[in-house]
Amino acid sequence: MILNTPLFVKFSANKLTYLTKKFSPNNILESSIYRLPLYYIIFKSFPFIIFWLLSCDLYIINWILKFF
């Protein structure tokens, strides 16, 4: 246990560890169920992302694409 850290850091680390263990995908079925809402959000927002990219300057698009 780390002694010289603020309490909120300890609690955040404990909560993250708990959630990681609770929602870790053990098989294909679990992983697909837990990740389905994320995929749904991404695909529903895809037209807005394209619209945003088309309305940006070319400089911003090049800056974003250099990470891919």
C-alpha atoms as a PDB file:
ATOM      1  CA  MET A   1       0.000   0.000   0.000  1.00  0.00           C
ATOM      2  CA  ILE A   2       1.288   3.443  -0.892  1.00  0.00           C
ATOM      3  CA  LEU A   3       1.424   5.638   2.214  1.00  0.00           C
ATOM      4  CA  ASN A   4       2.357   9.093   0.927  1.00  0.00           C
ATOM      5  CA  THR A   5      -0.447   9.622  -1.594  1.00  0.00           C
ATOM      6  CA  PRO A   6      -3.675  11.587  -1.177  1.00  0.00           C
ATOM      7  CA  LEU A   7      -6.772   9.594  -0.285  1.00  0.00           C
ATOM      8  CA  PHE A   8      -8.610  10.347  -3.520  1.00  0.00           C
ATOM      9  CA  VAL A   9      -5.731   8.783  -5.490  1.00  0.00           C
ATOM     10  CA  LYS A  10      -5.947   5.625  -3.376  1.00  0.00           C
ATOM     11  CA  PHE A  11      -9.718   5.445  -3.735  1.00  0.00           C
ATOM     12  CA  SER A  12      -9.519   6.048  -7.487  1.00  0.00           C
ATOM     13  CA  ALA A  13      -6.945   3.288  -7.885  1.00  0.00           C
ATOM     14  CA  ASN A  14      -9.034   0.899  -5.794  1.00  0.00           C
ATOM     15  CA  LYS A  15     -12.173   1.696  -7.777  1.00  0.00           C
ATOM     16  CA  LEU A  16     -10.349   1.240 -11.078  1.00  0.00           C
ATOM     17  CA  THR A  17      -8.979  -2.116  -9.907  1.00  0.00           C
ATOM     18  CA  TYR A  18     -12.447  -3.200  -8.788  1.00  0.00           C
ATOM     19  CA  LEU A  19     -14.094  -2.207 -12.066  1.00  0.00           C
ATOM     20  CA  THR A  20     -11.336  -3.843 -14.101  1.00  0.00           C
ATOM     21  CA  LYS A  21     -11.821  -7.128 -12.263  1.00  0.00           C
ATOM     22  CA  LYS A  22     -15.609  -6.873 -12.362  1.00  0.00           C
ATOM     23  CA  PHE A  23     -15.929  -6.134 -16.067  1.00  0.00           C
ATOM     24  CA  SER A  24     -12.935  -7.966 -17.483  1.00  0.00           C
ATOM     25  CA  PRO A  25     -14.013 -10.021 -20.502  1.00  0.00           C
ATOM     26  CA  ASN A  26     -13.565 -13.719 -19.771  1.00  0.00           C
ATOM     27  CA  ASN A  27     -14.934 -14.948 -23.054  1.00  0.00           C
ATOM     28  CA  ILE A  28     -16.216 -13.709 -26.404  1.00  0.00           C
ATOM     29  CA  LEU A  29     -19.808 -13.397 -25.197  1.00  0.00           C
ATOM     30  CA  GLU A  30     -18.943 -11.187 -22.217  1.00  0.00           C
ATOM     31  CA  SER A  31     -16.592  -8.983 -24.176  1.00  0.00           C
ATOM     32  CA  SER A  32     -19.160  -8.427 -26.928  1.00  0.00           C
ATOM     33  CA  ILE A  33     -21.929  -7.618 -24.420  1.00  0.00           C
ATOM     34  CA  TYR A  34     -19.864  -5.100 -22.469  1.00  0.00           C
ATOM     35  CA  ARG A  35     -18.435  -3.408 -25.542  1.00  0.00           C
ATOM     36  CA  LEU A  36     -21.691  -3.214 -27.500  1.00  0.00           C
ATOM     37  CA  PRO A  37     -22.775   0.178 -26.056  1.00  0.00           C
ATOM     38  CA  LEU A  38     -19.387   1.663 -26.956  1.00  0.00           C
ATOM     39  CA  TYR A  39     -19.642   0.408 -30.534  1.00  0.00           C
ATOM     40  CA  TYR A  40     -23.207   1.724 -30.742  1.00  0.00           C
ATOM     41  CA  ILE A  41     -22.143   5.202 -29.582  1.00  0.00           C
ATOM     42  CA  ILE A  42     -19.248   5.296 -32.051  1.00  0.00           C
ATOM     43  CA  PHE A  43     -21.360   4.245 -35.036  1.00  0.00           C
ATOM     44  CA  LYS A  44     -24.243   6.551 -34.137  1.00  0.00           C
ATOM     45  CA  SER A  45     -21.870   9.520 -33.925  1.00  0.00           C
ATOM     46  CA  PHE A  46     -19.955   8.609 -37.100  1.00  0.00           C
ATOM     47  CA  PRO A  47     -21.877  11.034 -39.406  1.00  0.00           C
ATOM     48  CA  PHE A  48     -21.224  13.880 -36.981  1.00  0.00           C
ATOM     49  CA  ILE A  49     -17.525  13.027 -36.868  1.00  0.00           C
ATOM     50  CA  ILE A  50     -17.353  13.084 -40.683  1.00  0.00           C
ATOM     51  CA  PHE A  51     -19.213  16.405 -40.793  1.00  0.00           C
ATOM     52  CA  TRP A  52     -16.830  17.858 -38.209  1.00  0.00           C
ATOM     53  CA  LEU A  53     -13.797  16.667 -40.170  1.00  0.00           C
ATOM     54  CA  LEU A  54     -15.142  18.156 -43.399  1.00  0.00           C
ATOM     55  CA  SER A  55     -15.767  21.482 -41.721  1.00  0.00           C
ATOM     56  CA  CYS A  56     -12.260  21.670 -40.239  1.00  0.00           C
ATOM     57  CA  ASP A  57      -9.285  23.317 -41.815  1.00  0.00           C
ATOM     58  CA  LEU A  58      -6.849  21.148 -43.711  1.00  0.00           C
ATOM     59  CA  TYR A  59      -4.176  21.871 -41.110  1.00  0.00           C
ATOM     60  CA  ILE A  60      -6.268  20.340 -38.328  1.00  0.00           C
ATOM     61  CA  ILE A  61      -7.101  17.275 -40.420  1.00  0.00           C
ATOM     62  CA  ASN A  62      -3.426  16.697 -41.207  1.00  0.00           C
ATOM     63  CA  TRP A  63      -2.589  17.077 -37.519  1.00  0.00           C
ATOM     64  CA  ILE A  64      -5.217  14.467 -36.577  1.00  0.00           C
ATOM     65  CA  LEU A  65      -4.208  12.027 -39.313  1.00  0.00           C
ATOM     66  CA  LYS A  66      -0.553  12.013 -38.313  1.00  0.00           C
ATOM     67  CA  PHE A  67      -1.537   9.893 -35.301  1.00  0.00           C
ATOM     68  CA  PHE A  68      -2.908   7.104 -37.529  1.00  0.00           C
END
